[in-house]
Amino acid sequence: GHLRDNESEYVHWLVGNIPGNAVSEGEDICHYFPPFPAKGTGYHRCIFILFKQDDVIDFKEDFRPSPCLSLKMRTFKTCDFYKKHEDQLTPAGLAFFQCRWDESVTRTFHNLL
C-alpha cells in the first residue's frame, strides 16, 4: 500500500526490455528498493507482475533515476502503466508475498529514506 494515497502503490523494482530470461541484461527502469511496511500497519502485499513483450519498448516516461530514494518518485499505478503499454505488453505471470514491519524496516527508513 501507499502511505498517503490509497489509490496508488510504490514501485519497488521495474525492469524492461529483458532479452530472453537474462533479467540482469534488461533495462533498469526503477532500481530495486526493499519493502518498507510501516510499524503497526499489518501485512502488506508485494506483487511481482511479469509482462511479455515482443519488441523493445521506449520506457523513458517511466524511468526513475537510480537509486531513486524519493517515495514521491516511486508512486506508481500498475493499472495506468499497463494501459499506457497494453499494445506492447501481455501479462504472463504473477507472484506475491506478504510482509510486515520488522527491525530491517527501521534501518531502511533511517539509511535510505
N, C-alpha and C. Protein backbone atom coordinates (compact mmCIF):
# COMPACT_ATOMS: atom_id res chain seq x y z
N GLY A 1 0.80 -1.19 0.00
CA GLY A 1 0.00 0.00 0.00
C GLY A 1 0.84 1.26 0.00
N HIS A 2 0.22 2.32 -0.29
CA HIS A 2 0.85 3.64 -0.33
C HIS A 2 0.61 4.32 1.01
N LEU A 3 1.59 5.06 1.52
CA LEU A 3 1.47 5.71 2.82
C LEU A 3 0.47 6.86 2.82
N ARG A 4 0.26 7.50 1.66
CA ARG A 4 -0.60 8.69 1.62
C ARG A 4 -1.78 8.61 0.66
N ASP A 5 -1.74 7.68 -0.27
CA ASP A 5 -2.78 7.62 -1.31
C ASP A 5 -3.23 6.18 -1.50
N ASN A 6 -4.44 5.88 -1.07
CA ASN A 6 -4.95 4.51 -1.16
C ASN A 6 -5.15 4.03 -2.59
N GLU A 7 -5.14 4.94 -3.55
CA GLU A 7 -5.33 4.57 -4.96
C GLU A 7 -4.00 4.29 -5.67
N SER A 8 -2.89 4.46 -4.97
CA SER A 8 -1.57 4.29 -5.59
C SER A 8 -0.78 3.21 -4.88
N GLU A 9 0.34 2.84 -5.51
CA GLU A 9 1.28 1.90 -4.92
C GLU A 9 2.66 2.53 -5.00
N TYR A 10 3.65 1.79 -4.54
CA TYR A 10 5.04 2.15 -4.77
C TYR A 10 5.64 1.11 -5.69
N VAL A 11 6.43 1.56 -6.64
CA VAL A 11 7.15 0.63 -7.49
C VAL A 11 8.47 0.33 -6.77
N HIS A 12 8.71 -0.95 -6.51
CA HIS A 12 9.92 -1.36 -5.80
C HIS A 12 11.01 -1.79 -6.77
N TRP A 13 10.63 -2.16 -7.98
CA TRP A 13 11.61 -2.60 -8.97
C TRP A 13 10.91 -2.69 -10.31
N LEU A 14 11.54 -2.18 -11.35
CA LEU A 14 10.94 -2.25 -12.68
C LEU A 14 12.06 -2.43 -13.71
N VAL A 15 12.00 -3.54 -14.40
CA VAL A 15 12.98 -3.87 -15.43
C VAL A 15 12.22 -4.17 -16.71
N GLY A 16 12.67 -3.61 -17.80
CA GLY A 16 12.01 -3.85 -19.08
C GLY A 16 13.03 -4.23 -20.14
N ASN A 17 12.53 -4.57 -21.30
CA ASN A 17 13.38 -4.92 -22.44
C ASN A 17 14.40 -6.00 -22.07
N ILE A 18 13.92 -7.04 -21.41
CA ILE A 18 14.77 -8.14 -20.97
C ILE A 18 14.97 -9.10 -22.15
N PRO A 19 16.22 -9.32 -22.55
CA PRO A 19 16.45 -10.27 -23.64
C PRO A 19 16.33 -11.72 -23.13
N GLY A 20 15.33 -12.43 -23.63
CA GLY A 20 15.10 -13.81 -23.17
C GLY A 20 14.78 -13.84 -21.69
N ASN A 21 15.59 -14.59 -20.92
CA ASN A 21 15.38 -14.64 -19.47
C ASN A 21 16.55 -14.01 -18.72
N ALA A 22 17.33 -13.17 -19.39
CA ALA A 22 18.51 -12.53 -18.80
C ALA A 22 18.12 -11.21 -18.14
N VAL A 23 17.49 -11.31 -16.96
CA VAL A 23 17.00 -10.12 -16.26
C VAL A 23 18.12 -9.10 -16.04
N SER A 24 19.31 -9.58 -15.72
CA SER A 24 20.43 -8.67 -15.45
C SER A 24 20.83 -7.85 -16.68
N GLU A 25 20.41 -8.27 -17.86
CA GLU A 25 20.72 -7.54 -19.09
C GLU A 25 19.57 -6.63 -19.53
N GLY A 26 18.48 -6.61 -18.76
CA GLY A 26 17.35 -5.76 -19.09
C GLY A 26 17.61 -4.31 -18.73
N GLU A 27 16.71 -3.45 -19.12
CA GLU A 27 16.79 -2.02 -18.83
C GLU A 27 16.24 -1.76 -17.43
N ASP A 28 17.09 -1.24 -16.55
CA ASP A 28 16.70 -0.94 -15.17
C ASP A 28 15.92 0.37 -15.16
N ILE A 29 14.61 0.28 -15.19
CA ILE A 29 13.75 1.46 -15.28
C ILE A 29 13.57 2.10 -13.91
N CYS A 30 13.48 1.27 -12.88
CA CYS A 30 13.43 1.75 -11.50
C CYS A 30 14.22 0.77 -10.64
N HIS A 31 15.32 1.24 -10.08
CA HIS A 31 16.23 0.42 -9.28
C HIS A 31 15.49 -0.20 -8.09
N TYR A 32 15.90 -1.41 -7.70
CA TYR A 32 15.25 -2.13 -6.60
C TYR A 32 15.30 -1.34 -5.29
N PHE A 33 14.20 -1.38 -4.57
CA PHE A 33 14.10 -0.80 -3.22
C PHE A 33 13.33 -1.79 -2.37
N PRO A 34 13.83 -2.12 -1.17
CA PRO A 34 13.17 -3.15 -0.36
C PRO A 34 11.80 -2.71 0.15
N PRO A 35 10.94 -3.66 0.48
CA PRO A 35 9.65 -3.33 1.08
C PRO A 35 9.86 -2.56 2.39
N PHE A 36 8.92 -1.69 2.72
CA PHE A 36 9.04 -0.90 3.95
C PHE A 36 7.67 -0.71 4.62
N PRO A 37 7.05 -1.82 5.05
CA PRO A 37 5.75 -1.71 5.71
C PRO A 37 5.90 -0.98 7.04
N ALA A 38 5.13 0.07 7.23
CA ALA A 38 5.21 0.87 8.45
C ALA A 38 4.76 0.06 9.67
N LYS A 39 5.36 0.37 10.80
CA LYS A 39 5.05 -0.32 12.05
C LYS A 39 3.57 -0.14 12.39
N GLY A 40 2.93 -1.23 12.76
CA GLY A 40 1.54 -1.17 13.18
C GLY A 40 0.52 -1.19 12.05
N THR A 41 0.96 -1.37 10.81
CA THR A 41 0.01 -1.36 9.69
C THR A 41 -0.31 -2.76 9.17
N GLY A 42 0.14 -3.78 9.88
CA GLY A 42 -0.20 -5.15 9.49
C GLY A 42 0.58 -5.62 8.29
N TYR A 43 0.01 -6.61 7.63
CA TYR A 43 0.67 -7.21 6.48
C TYR A 43 0.46 -6.38 5.22
N HIS A 44 1.49 -6.32 4.41
CA HIS A 44 1.44 -5.64 3.12
C HIS A 44 1.73 -6.67 2.03
N ARG A 45 1.07 -6.53 0.90
CA ARG A 45 1.29 -7.43 -0.24
C ARG A 45 2.29 -6.80 -1.20
N CYS A 46 3.27 -7.56 -1.57
CA CYS A 46 4.21 -7.15 -2.63
C CYS A 46 3.95 -8.08 -3.81
N ILE A 47 3.72 -7.48 -4.95
CA ILE A 47 3.31 -8.25 -6.12
C ILE A 47 4.35 -8.11 -7.23
N PHE A 48 4.71 -9.23 -7.81
CA PHE A 48 5.58 -9.26 -8.98
C PHE A 48 4.71 -9.60 -10.18
N ILE A 49 4.73 -8.74 -11.18
CA ILE A 49 3.98 -9.00 -12.41
C ILE A 49 4.99 -9.13 -13.54
N LEU A 50 4.86 -10.20 -14.28
CA LEU A 50 5.71 -10.43 -15.44
C LEU A 50 4.90 -10.14 -16.70
N PHE A 51 5.41 -9.24 -17.51
CA PHE A 51 4.78 -8.94 -18.80
C PHE A 51 5.68 -9.47 -19.91
N LYS A 52 5.07 -10.05 -20.91
CA LYS A 52 5.79 -10.49 -22.10
C LYS A 52 5.78 -9.33 -23.10
N GLN A 53 6.91 -9.12 -23.73
CA GLN A 53 6.98 -8.12 -24.79
C GLN A 53 7.75 -8.71 -25.96
N ASP A 54 7.29 -8.43 -27.16
CA ASP A 54 7.93 -8.97 -28.37
C ASP A 54 8.97 -8.02 -28.95
N ASP A 55 8.81 -6.74 -28.68
CA ASP A 55 9.71 -5.73 -29.25
C ASP A 55 10.24 -4.83 -28.14
N VAL A 56 11.32 -4.12 -28.42
CA VAL A 56 11.86 -3.15 -27.48
C VAL A 56 10.85 -2.02 -27.31
N ILE A 57 10.65 -1.60 -26.06
CA ILE A 57 9.70 -0.53 -25.73
C ILE A 57 10.49 0.66 -25.20
N ASP A 58 10.08 1.86 -25.57
CA ASP A 58 10.69 3.08 -25.06
C ASP A 58 10.03 3.41 -23.72
N PHE A 59 10.75 3.17 -22.63
CA PHE A 59 10.22 3.40 -21.29
C PHE A 59 10.69 4.73 -20.69
N LYS A 60 11.14 5.68 -21.52
CA LYS A 60 11.72 6.90 -20.95
C LYS A 60 10.73 7.66 -20.05
N GLU A 61 9.45 7.60 -20.31
CA GLU A 61 8.46 8.29 -19.45
C GLU A 61 8.30 7.59 -18.11
N ASP A 62 8.69 6.32 -18.02
CA ASP A 62 8.54 5.54 -16.79
C ASP A 62 9.83 5.50 -15.97
N PHE A 63 10.94 5.96 -16.56
CA PHE A 63 12.25 5.86 -15.93
C PHE A 63 12.34 6.69 -14.66
N ARG A 64 12.98 6.13 -13.64
CA ARG A 64 13.31 6.84 -12.40
C ARG A 64 14.82 6.78 -12.24
N PRO A 65 15.46 7.92 -11.95
CA PRO A 65 16.92 7.92 -11.79
C PRO A 65 17.34 7.08 -10.59
N SER A 66 18.42 6.35 -10.75
CA SER A 66 18.93 5.49 -9.68
C SER A 66 19.73 6.33 -8.69
N PRO A 67 19.59 6.10 -7.40
CA PRO A 67 18.90 4.99 -6.76
C PRO A 67 17.43 5.26 -6.45
N CYS A 68 16.92 6.41 -6.77
CA CYS A 68 15.50 6.77 -6.58
C CYS A 68 15.05 6.52 -5.15
N LEU A 69 15.48 7.38 -4.25
CA LEU A 69 15.11 7.26 -2.84
C LEU A 69 13.89 8.10 -2.49
N SER A 70 13.29 8.73 -3.45
CA SER A 70 12.11 9.57 -3.24
C SER A 70 10.84 8.73 -3.35
N LEU A 71 10.05 8.69 -2.27
CA LEU A 71 8.79 7.95 -2.33
C LEU A 71 7.82 8.60 -3.31
N LYS A 72 7.91 9.91 -3.45
CA LYS A 72 7.05 10.59 -4.43
C LYS A 72 7.36 10.09 -5.84
N MET A 73 8.64 9.93 -6.16
CA MET A 73 9.02 9.45 -7.49
C MET A 73 8.68 7.97 -7.68
N ARG A 74 8.56 7.23 -6.57
CA ARG A 74 8.24 5.81 -6.65
C ARG A 74 6.73 5.56 -6.64
N THR A 75 5.93 6.61 -6.47
CA THR A 75 4.49 6.44 -6.52
C THR A 75 4.12 5.93 -7.91
N PHE A 76 3.23 4.94 -7.96
CA PHE A 76 3.01 4.18 -9.19
C PHE A 76 1.59 3.64 -9.20
N LYS A 77 1.06 3.48 -10.38
CA LYS A 77 -0.23 2.80 -10.56
C LYS A 77 -0.04 1.76 -11.65
N THR A 78 -0.02 0.51 -11.25
CA THR A 78 0.19 -0.59 -12.19
C THR A 78 -0.82 -0.54 -13.32
N CYS A 79 -2.07 -0.26 -12.98
CA CYS A 79 -3.13 -0.22 -14.00
C CYS A 79 -2.83 0.85 -15.06
N ASP A 80 -2.37 2.03 -14.63
CA ASP A 80 -2.04 3.09 -15.58
C ASP A 80 -0.85 2.70 -16.45
N PHE A 81 0.15 2.06 -15.83
CA PHE A 81 1.32 1.60 -16.59
C PHE A 81 0.89 0.62 -17.67
N TYR A 82 0.04 -0.33 -17.29
CA TYR A 82 -0.41 -1.32 -18.26
C TYR A 82 -1.25 -0.68 -19.37
N LYS A 83 -2.15 0.23 -19.00
CA LYS A 83 -2.97 0.90 -20.01
C LYS A 83 -2.11 1.64 -21.03
N LYS A 84 -1.03 2.26 -20.55
CA LYS A 84 -0.14 3.02 -21.44
C LYS A 84 0.58 2.10 -22.43
N HIS A 85 0.92 0.89 -21.99
CA HIS A 85 1.73 -0.01 -22.81
C HIS A 85 0.99 -1.28 -23.26
N GLU A 86 -0.33 -1.32 -23.10
CA GLU A 86 -1.06 -2.57 -23.34
C GLU A 86 -0.95 -3.10 -24.77
N ASP A 87 -0.66 -2.25 -25.73
CA ASP A 87 -0.50 -2.73 -27.10
C ASP A 87 0.83 -3.47 -27.29
N GLN A 88 1.75 -3.29 -26.35
CA GLN A 88 3.08 -3.89 -26.46
C GLN A 88 3.38 -4.92 -25.38
N LEU A 89 2.56 -4.98 -24.34
CA LEU A 89 2.79 -5.88 -23.21
C LEU A 89 1.64 -6.87 -23.07
N THR A 90 1.97 -8.09 -22.68
CA THR A 90 0.98 -9.11 -22.38
C THR A 90 1.26 -9.66 -20.99
N PRO A 91 0.31 -9.58 -20.05
CA PRO A 91 0.55 -10.19 -18.73
C PRO A 91 0.86 -11.67 -18.90
N ALA A 92 1.94 -12.13 -18.27
CA ALA A 92 2.38 -13.52 -18.45
C ALA A 92 2.59 -14.26 -17.14
N GLY A 93 2.71 -13.55 -16.03
CA GLY A 93 2.94 -14.23 -14.75
C GLY A 93 2.68 -13.30 -13.59
N LEU A 94 2.38 -13.90 -12.44
CA LEU A 94 2.09 -13.13 -11.23
C LEU A 94 2.55 -13.93 -10.03
N ALA A 95 3.19 -13.26 -9.10
CA ALA A 95 3.56 -13.87 -7.82
C ALA A 95 3.46 -12.78 -6.76
N PHE A 96 3.25 -13.17 -5.52
CA PHE A 96 3.21 -12.16 -4.47
C PHE A 96 3.67 -12.78 -3.16
N PHE A 97 4.01 -11.89 -2.23
CA PHE A 97 4.29 -12.31 -0.86
C PHE A 97 3.75 -11.24 0.07
N GLN A 98 3.59 -11.60 1.32
CA GLN A 98 3.15 -10.65 2.33
C GLN A 98 4.31 -10.38 3.27
N CYS A 99 4.38 -9.15 3.75
CA CYS A 99 5.41 -8.80 4.72
C CYS A 99 4.82 -7.82 5.72
N ARG A 100 5.47 -7.74 6.85
CA ARG A 100 5.06 -6.75 7.85
C ARG A 100 6.32 -6.17 8.48
N TRP A 101 6.14 -5.13 9.28
CA TRP A 101 7.27 -4.43 9.87
C TRP A 101 8.14 -5.36 10.69
N ASP A 102 9.44 -5.16 10.57
CA ASP A 102 10.42 -5.73 11.50
C ASP A 102 11.58 -4.73 11.57
N GLU A 103 12.61 -5.05 12.32
CA GLU A 103 13.72 -4.11 12.52
C GLU A 103 14.39 -3.67 11.22
N SER A 104 14.38 -4.51 10.21
CA SER A 104 15.02 -4.13 8.94
C SER A 104 14.32 -2.92 8.31
N VAL A 105 13.03 -2.77 8.56
CA VAL A 105 12.29 -1.63 8.01
C VAL A 105 12.79 -0.33 8.64
N THR A 106 13.07 -0.36 9.93
CA THR A 106 13.61 0.83 10.60
C THR A 106 14.94 1.22 9.96
N ARG A 107 15.79 0.25 9.67
CA ARG A 107 17.07 0.54 9.01
C ARG A 107 16.83 1.12 7.62
N THR A 108 15.85 0.59 6.90
CA THR A 108 15.54 1.12 5.57
C THR A 108 15.14 2.59 5.67
N PHE A 109 14.25 2.91 6.61
CA PHE A 109 13.81 4.30 6.78
C PHE A 109 14.99 5.20 7.15
N HIS A 110 15.83 4.76 8.08
CA HIS A 110 16.93 5.60 8.56
C HIS A 110 18.05 5.73 7.54
N ASN A 111 18.37 4.66 6.84
CA ASN A 111 19.53 4.67 5.95
C ASN A 111 19.21 5.06 4.51
N LEU A 112 18.00 4.84 4.06
CA LEU A 112 17.68 5.08 2.66
C LEU A 112 16.68 6.21 2.43
N LEU A 113 15.75 6.38 3.34
CA LEU A 113 14.74 7.41 3.14
C LEU A 113 15.10 8.60 3.95
